[in-house]
């Protein structure tokens, strides 16, 4: 499975990327939301994992833009707070799932990425 990871926290991004690679995923890791959006728009991914609080293009705008383009790739947003408002906003924008950091890696890996999350 090919996955796009858009995450600005470098330590977290690196450890998550390594974990996913150990699980057999091919991971394109990016910290820039504009480049990430371009990659998501023109690339072929099985899953997009992104931070809600990205600079320049936030996670909700990122998701909305891809959905407007007709891209149906499953998207999982990661956030550092468990605000109901943020969760609902992400899901209403078209995200398939929402996970609050820090999270147990088993919870992330348990999600079925072969079907909509």
N, C-alpha and C. Protein backbone atom coordinates (compact mmCIF):
# COMPACT_ATOMS: atom_id res chain seq x y z
N UNK A 1 0.84 -1.19 0.00
CA UNK A 1 0.00 0.00 0.00
C UNK A 1 0.88 1.24 0.00
N UNK A 2 0.47 2.21 -0.77
CA UNK A 2 1.21 3.47 -0.85
C UNK A 2 0.47 4.54 -0.05
N UNK A 3 1.21 5.19 0.81
CA UNK A 3 0.63 6.14 1.75
C UNK A 3 1.33 7.48 1.66
N UNK A 4 0.58 8.56 1.72
CA UNK A 4 1.14 9.91 1.80
C UNK A 4 0.98 10.39 3.23
N UNK A 5 2.09 10.77 3.85
CA UNK A 5 2.09 11.29 5.21
C UNK A 5 2.47 12.75 5.16
N UNK A 6 1.55 13.63 5.58
CA UNK A 6 1.79 15.07 5.61
C UNK A 6 1.77 15.48 7.07
N UNK A 7 2.96 15.71 7.60
CA UNK A 7 3.11 15.97 9.04
C UNK A 7 4.27 16.93 9.26
N UNK A 8 4.05 17.99 10.05
CA UNK A 8 5.08 19.00 10.27
C UNK A 8 6.00 18.70 11.44
N UNK A 9 5.57 17.88 12.38
CA UNK A 9 6.41 17.55 13.53
C UNK A 9 7.42 16.49 13.10
N UNK A 10 8.68 16.91 12.92
CA UNK A 10 9.68 16.04 12.30
C UNK A 10 9.96 14.75 13.08
N UNK A 11 10.08 14.81 14.41
CA UNK A 11 10.33 13.59 15.18
C UNK A 11 9.17 12.62 15.05
N UNK A 12 7.96 13.13 15.20
CA UNK A 12 6.77 12.30 15.10
C UNK A 12 6.65 11.72 13.69
N UNK A 13 6.87 12.56 12.69
CA UNK A 13 6.78 12.14 11.30
C UNK A 13 7.76 11.01 10.99
N UNK A 14 8.98 11.16 11.47
CA UNK A 14 10.01 10.15 11.22
C UNK A 14 9.66 8.83 11.90
N UNK A 15 9.23 8.89 13.16
CA UNK A 15 8.92 7.64 13.86
C UNK A 15 7.68 6.96 13.26
N UNK A 16 6.67 7.74 12.89
CA UNK A 16 5.47 7.17 12.28
C UNK A 16 5.81 6.57 10.92
N UNK A 17 6.61 7.26 10.15
CA UNK A 17 7.03 6.77 8.84
C UNK A 17 7.78 5.44 8.97
N UNK A 18 8.70 5.36 9.92
CA UNK A 18 9.45 4.12 10.14
C UNK A 18 8.53 2.98 10.55
N UNK A 19 7.59 3.26 11.43
CA UNK A 19 6.63 2.25 11.87
C UNK A 19 5.84 1.72 10.68
N UNK A 20 5.33 2.61 9.86
CA UNK A 20 4.52 2.21 8.71
C UNK A 20 5.34 1.43 7.70
N UNK A 21 6.58 1.82 7.50
CA UNK A 21 7.45 1.08 6.58
C UNK A 21 7.72 -0.32 7.10
N UNK A 22 7.91 -0.46 8.41
CA UNK A 22 8.12 -1.78 9.00
C UNK A 22 6.90 -2.66 8.81
N UNK A 23 5.73 -2.04 8.70
CA UNK A 23 4.49 -2.78 8.50
C UNK A 23 4.22 -3.07 7.01
N UNK A 24 5.15 -2.64 6.14
CA UNK A 24 5.03 -2.96 4.72
C UNK A 24 4.48 -1.86 3.83
N UNK A 25 4.23 -0.70 4.40
CA UNK A 25 3.72 0.41 3.60
C UNK A 25 4.86 1.11 2.86
N UNK A 26 4.55 1.64 1.69
CA UNK A 26 5.45 2.54 0.99
C UNK A 26 4.99 3.93 1.41
N UNK A 27 5.88 4.72 2.00
CA UNK A 27 5.49 6.01 2.58
C UNK A 27 6.21 7.16 1.89
N UNK A 28 5.41 8.10 1.36
CA UNK A 28 5.93 9.38 0.90
C UNK A 28 5.68 10.35 2.04
N UNK A 29 6.75 10.86 2.65
CA UNK A 29 6.65 11.74 3.82
C UNK A 29 6.96 13.16 3.38
N UNK A 30 6.09 14.08 3.75
CA UNK A 30 6.26 15.49 3.35
C UNK A 30 5.86 16.38 4.53
N UNK A 31 6.53 17.52 4.66
CA UNK A 31 6.21 18.46 5.74
C UNK A 31 5.49 19.71 5.22
N UNK A 32 5.51 19.93 3.94
CA UNK A 32 4.94 21.12 3.33
C UNK A 32 3.53 20.81 2.82
N UNK A 33 2.52 21.50 3.34
CA UNK A 33 1.13 21.19 2.97
C UNK A 33 0.83 21.51 1.51
N UNK A 34 1.45 22.53 0.95
CA UNK A 34 1.21 22.86 -0.46
C UNK A 34 1.74 21.76 -1.38
N UNK A 35 2.95 21.30 -1.10
CA UNK A 35 3.52 20.21 -1.89
C UNK A 35 2.73 18.93 -1.65
N UNK A 36 2.32 18.71 -0.41
CA UNK A 36 1.51 17.55 -0.08
C UNK A 36 0.20 17.53 -0.85
N UNK A 37 -0.45 18.67 -0.95
CA UNK A 37 -1.70 18.76 -1.70
C UNK A 37 -1.47 18.46 -3.16
N UNK A 38 -0.39 18.98 -3.71
CA UNK A 38 -0.05 18.70 -5.12
C UNK A 38 0.21 17.21 -5.32
N UNK A 39 0.98 16.61 -4.41
CA UNK A 39 1.27 15.18 -4.51
C UNK A 39 -0.01 14.35 -4.41
N UNK A 40 -0.90 14.74 -3.51
CA UNK A 40 -2.16 14.02 -3.34
C UNK A 40 -3.06 14.19 -4.56
N UNK A 41 -2.98 15.35 -5.19
CA UNK A 41 -3.81 15.64 -6.37
C UNK A 41 -3.38 14.85 -7.59
N UNK A 42 -2.08 14.65 -7.73
CA UNK A 42 -1.56 14.03 -8.95
C UNK A 42 -0.97 12.65 -8.74
N UNK A 43 -0.80 12.24 -7.49
CA UNK A 43 -0.24 10.93 -7.19
C UNK A 43 -1.33 9.91 -7.02
N UNK A 44 -0.90 8.68 -6.85
CA UNK A 44 -1.84 7.59 -6.64
C UNK A 44 -1.55 6.98 -5.27
N UNK A 45 -2.40 7.29 -4.30
CA UNK A 45 -2.20 6.82 -2.93
C UNK A 45 -3.39 5.98 -2.48
N UNK A 46 -3.09 5.01 -1.62
CA UNK A 46 -4.14 4.19 -1.03
C UNK A 46 -4.69 4.82 0.24
N UNK A 47 -3.89 5.71 0.84
CA UNK A 47 -4.28 6.38 2.08
C UNK A 47 -3.47 7.66 2.24
N UNK A 48 -4.11 8.70 2.76
CA UNK A 48 -3.43 9.95 3.09
C UNK A 48 -3.62 10.18 4.58
N UNK A 49 -2.50 10.35 5.28
CA UNK A 49 -2.51 10.64 6.71
C UNK A 49 -1.94 12.04 6.87
N UNK A 50 -2.68 12.94 7.51
CA UNK A 50 -2.19 14.29 7.63
C UNK A 50 -2.58 14.93 8.96
N UNK A 51 -1.77 15.90 9.34
CA UNK A 51 -1.98 16.65 10.56
C UNK A 51 -3.09 17.67 10.32
N UNK A 52 -3.95 17.84 11.29
CA UNK A 52 -5.00 18.85 11.20
C UNK A 52 -4.41 20.25 11.16
N UNK A 53 -3.39 20.50 11.97
CA UNK A 53 -2.82 21.84 12.10
C UNK A 53 -1.57 22.02 11.23
N UNK A 54 -1.77 22.02 9.93
CA UNK A 54 -0.68 22.26 8.99
C UNK A 54 -0.58 23.75 8.71
N UNK A 55 0.64 24.28 8.57
CA UNK A 55 0.76 25.68 8.17
C UNK A 55 0.38 25.84 6.69
N UNK A 56 -0.03 27.01 6.32
CA UNK A 56 -0.42 27.41 4.97
C UNK A 56 -1.76 26.79 4.58
N UNK A 57 -1.83 25.48 4.40
CA UNK A 57 -3.10 24.81 4.07
C UNK A 57 -3.40 23.86 5.23
N UNK A 58 -4.39 24.20 6.03
CA UNK A 58 -4.72 23.35 7.19
C UNK A 58 -5.37 22.05 6.72
N UNK A 59 -5.45 21.09 7.61
CA UNK A 59 -5.96 19.77 7.27
C UNK A 59 -7.37 19.77 6.71
N UNK A 60 -8.26 20.57 7.27
CA UNK A 60 -9.64 20.60 6.78
C UNK A 60 -9.69 21.15 5.35
N UNK A 61 -8.97 22.23 5.09
CA UNK A 61 -8.92 22.79 3.74
C UNK A 61 -8.30 21.79 2.77
N UNK A 62 -7.26 21.09 3.20
CA UNK A 62 -6.59 20.06 2.41
C UNK A 62 -7.61 19.00 1.98
N UNK A 63 -8.36 18.50 2.93
CA UNK A 63 -9.36 17.46 2.65
C UNK A 63 -10.44 18.00 1.71
N UNK A 64 -10.97 19.18 2.01
CA UNK A 64 -12.02 19.76 1.16
C UNK A 64 -11.55 19.91 -0.27
N UNK A 65 -10.33 20.39 -0.46
CA UNK A 65 -9.80 20.60 -1.81
C UNK A 65 -9.73 19.29 -2.58
N UNK A 66 -9.24 18.25 -1.93
CA UNK A 66 -9.16 16.96 -2.62
C UNK A 66 -10.54 16.41 -2.95
N UNK A 67 -11.48 16.57 -2.04
CA UNK A 67 -12.84 16.08 -2.30
C UNK A 67 -13.49 16.88 -3.44
N UNK A 68 -13.24 18.18 -3.51
CA UNK A 68 -13.76 18.99 -4.61
C UNK A 68 -13.20 18.49 -5.94
N UNK A 69 -11.94 18.06 -5.93
CA UNK A 69 -11.30 17.54 -7.13
C UNK A 69 -11.81 16.14 -7.50
N UNK A 70 -12.63 15.57 -6.65
CA UNK A 70 -13.16 14.23 -6.91
C UNK A 70 -12.25 13.11 -6.47
N UNK A 71 -11.26 13.42 -5.67
CA UNK A 71 -10.33 12.41 -5.17
C UNK A 71 -10.96 11.74 -3.95
N UNK A 72 -11.12 10.44 -4.04
CA UNK A 72 -11.82 9.70 -2.98
C UNK A 72 -10.88 8.88 -2.09
N UNK A 73 -9.59 9.11 -2.19
CA UNK A 73 -8.61 8.41 -1.37
C UNK A 73 -8.98 8.56 0.11
N UNK A 74 -8.98 7.47 0.87
CA UNK A 74 -9.26 7.60 2.30
C UNK A 74 -8.25 8.53 2.97
N UNK A 75 -8.75 9.37 3.88
CA UNK A 75 -7.90 10.31 4.60
C UNK A 75 -8.13 10.21 6.10
N UNK A 76 -7.01 10.13 6.82
CA UNK A 76 -7.01 10.08 8.27
C UNK A 76 -6.33 11.33 8.78
N UNK A 77 -7.05 12.13 9.56
CA UNK A 77 -6.48 13.33 10.14
C UNK A 77 -5.99 13.05 11.55
N UNK A 78 -4.82 13.61 11.86
CA UNK A 78 -4.21 13.49 13.18
C UNK A 78 -4.28 14.84 13.86
N UNK A 79 -4.68 14.86 15.11
CA UNK A 79 -4.79 16.13 15.84
C UNK A 79 -4.29 15.95 17.26
N UNK A 80 -3.85 17.06 17.83
CA UNK A 80 -3.34 17.01 19.20
C UNK A 80 -4.40 17.36 20.22
N UNK A 81 -5.64 17.53 19.79
CA UNK A 81 -6.71 17.76 20.76
C UNK A 81 -7.92 16.90 20.41
N UNK A 82 -8.77 16.68 21.37
CA UNK A 82 -9.94 15.84 21.15
C UNK A 82 -11.23 16.65 21.11
N UNK A 83 -11.13 17.84 20.55
CA UNK A 83 -12.27 18.72 20.44
C UNK A 83 -13.35 18.10 19.53
N UNK A 84 -14.56 18.00 20.04
CA UNK A 84 -15.67 17.48 19.25
C UNK A 84 -15.86 18.35 18.00
N UNK A 85 -15.71 19.65 18.16
CA UNK A 85 -15.86 20.58 17.04
C UNK A 85 -14.85 20.26 15.92
N UNK A 86 -13.59 20.00 16.30
CA UNK A 86 -12.58 19.65 15.30
C UNK A 86 -12.88 18.32 14.64
N UNK A 87 -13.27 17.34 15.45
CA UNK A 87 -13.59 16.02 14.90
C UNK A 87 -14.72 16.12 13.88
N UNK A 88 -15.79 16.79 14.26
CA UNK A 88 -16.94 16.93 13.38
C UNK A 88 -16.55 17.73 12.13
N UNK A 89 -15.76 18.78 12.31
CA UNK A 89 -15.30 19.58 11.17
C UNK A 89 -14.51 18.76 10.17
N UNK A 90 -13.63 17.91 10.67
CA UNK A 90 -12.83 17.05 9.79
C UNK A 90 -13.71 16.06 9.03
N UNK A 91 -14.61 15.42 9.75
CA UNK A 91 -15.48 14.43 9.12
C UNK A 91 -16.44 15.09 8.13
N UNK A 92 -16.97 16.25 8.49
CA UNK A 92 -17.85 16.99 7.58
C UNK A 92 -17.12 17.45 6.32
N UNK A 93 -15.83 17.71 6.45
CA UNK A 93 -15.03 18.15 5.30
C UNK A 93 -14.78 17.00 4.32
N UNK A 94 -14.93 15.77 4.81
CA UNK A 94 -14.72 14.62 3.93
C UNK A 94 -13.66 13.66 4.40
N UNK A 95 -13.06 13.92 5.57
CA UNK A 95 -12.08 12.97 6.12
C UNK A 95 -12.81 11.68 6.49
N UNK A 96 -12.08 10.58 6.42
CA UNK A 96 -12.67 9.29 6.74
C UNK A 96 -12.51 8.90 8.20
N UNK A 97 -11.50 9.50 8.85
CA UNK A 97 -11.27 9.16 10.25
C UNK A 97 -10.44 10.27 10.89
N UNK A 98 -10.40 10.24 12.21
CA UNK A 98 -9.73 11.27 13.02
C UNK A 98 -9.09 10.55 14.19
N UNK A 99 -7.83 10.84 14.44
CA UNK A 99 -7.12 10.19 15.53
C UNK A 99 -6.41 11.25 16.36
N UNK A 100 -6.55 11.17 17.68
CA UNK A 100 -5.96 12.16 18.58
C UNK A 100 -4.58 11.69 19.02
N UNK A 101 -3.60 12.61 18.91
CA UNK A 101 -2.22 12.33 19.36
C UNK A 101 -2.13 12.65 20.85
N UNK A 102 -1.35 11.97 21.60
CA UNK A 102 -0.63 10.76 21.21
C UNK A 102 -1.60 9.59 21.16
N UNK A 103 -1.31 8.64 20.28
CA UNK A 103 -2.16 7.47 20.15
C UNK A 103 -1.31 6.21 20.21
N UNK A 104 -1.95 5.14 20.52
CA UNK A 104 -1.30 3.84 20.55
C UNK A 104 -1.15 3.37 19.11
N UNK A 105 0.05 2.97 18.72
CA UNK A 105 0.27 2.58 17.33
C UNK A 105 -0.60 1.40 16.91
N UNK A 106 -0.94 0.53 17.86
CA UNK A 106 -1.83 -0.59 17.53
C UNK A 106 -3.20 -0.10 17.07
N UNK A 107 -3.65 1.02 17.62
CA UNK A 107 -4.94 1.60 17.22
C UNK A 107 -4.86 2.09 15.78
N UNK A 108 -3.77 2.74 15.44
CA UNK A 108 -3.59 3.19 14.06
C UNK A 108 -3.53 2.00 13.10
N UNK A 109 -2.73 1.01 13.43
CA UNK A 109 -2.56 -0.13 12.55
C UNK A 109 -3.80 -1.00 12.45
N UNK A 110 -4.69 -0.93 13.43
CA UNK A 110 -5.91 -1.72 13.42
C UNK A 110 -6.95 -1.19 12.44
N UNK A 111 -6.79 0.04 12.01
CA UNK A 111 -7.75 0.60 11.07
C UNK A 111 -7.63 -0.12 9.74
N UNK A 112 -8.75 -0.41 9.14
CA UNK A 112 -8.77 -1.13 7.85
C UNK A 112 -8.56 -0.13 6.73
N UNK A 113 -7.35 -0.08 6.17
CA UNK A 113 -7.05 0.90 5.13
C UNK A 113 -7.35 0.40 3.73
N UNK A 114 -7.83 -0.82 3.61
CA UNK A 114 -8.20 -1.34 2.29
C UNK A 114 -9.62 -0.91 1.91
N UNK A 115 -10.37 -0.47 2.88
CA UNK A 115 -11.72 0.02 2.68
C UNK A 115 -11.80 1.39 3.33
N UNK A 116 -12.82 2.19 3.04
CA UNK A 116 -12.92 3.47 3.73
C UNK A 116 -12.85 3.26 5.23
N UNK A 117 -12.10 4.12 5.88
CA UNK A 117 -11.86 3.98 7.32
C UNK A 117 -13.11 4.12 8.14
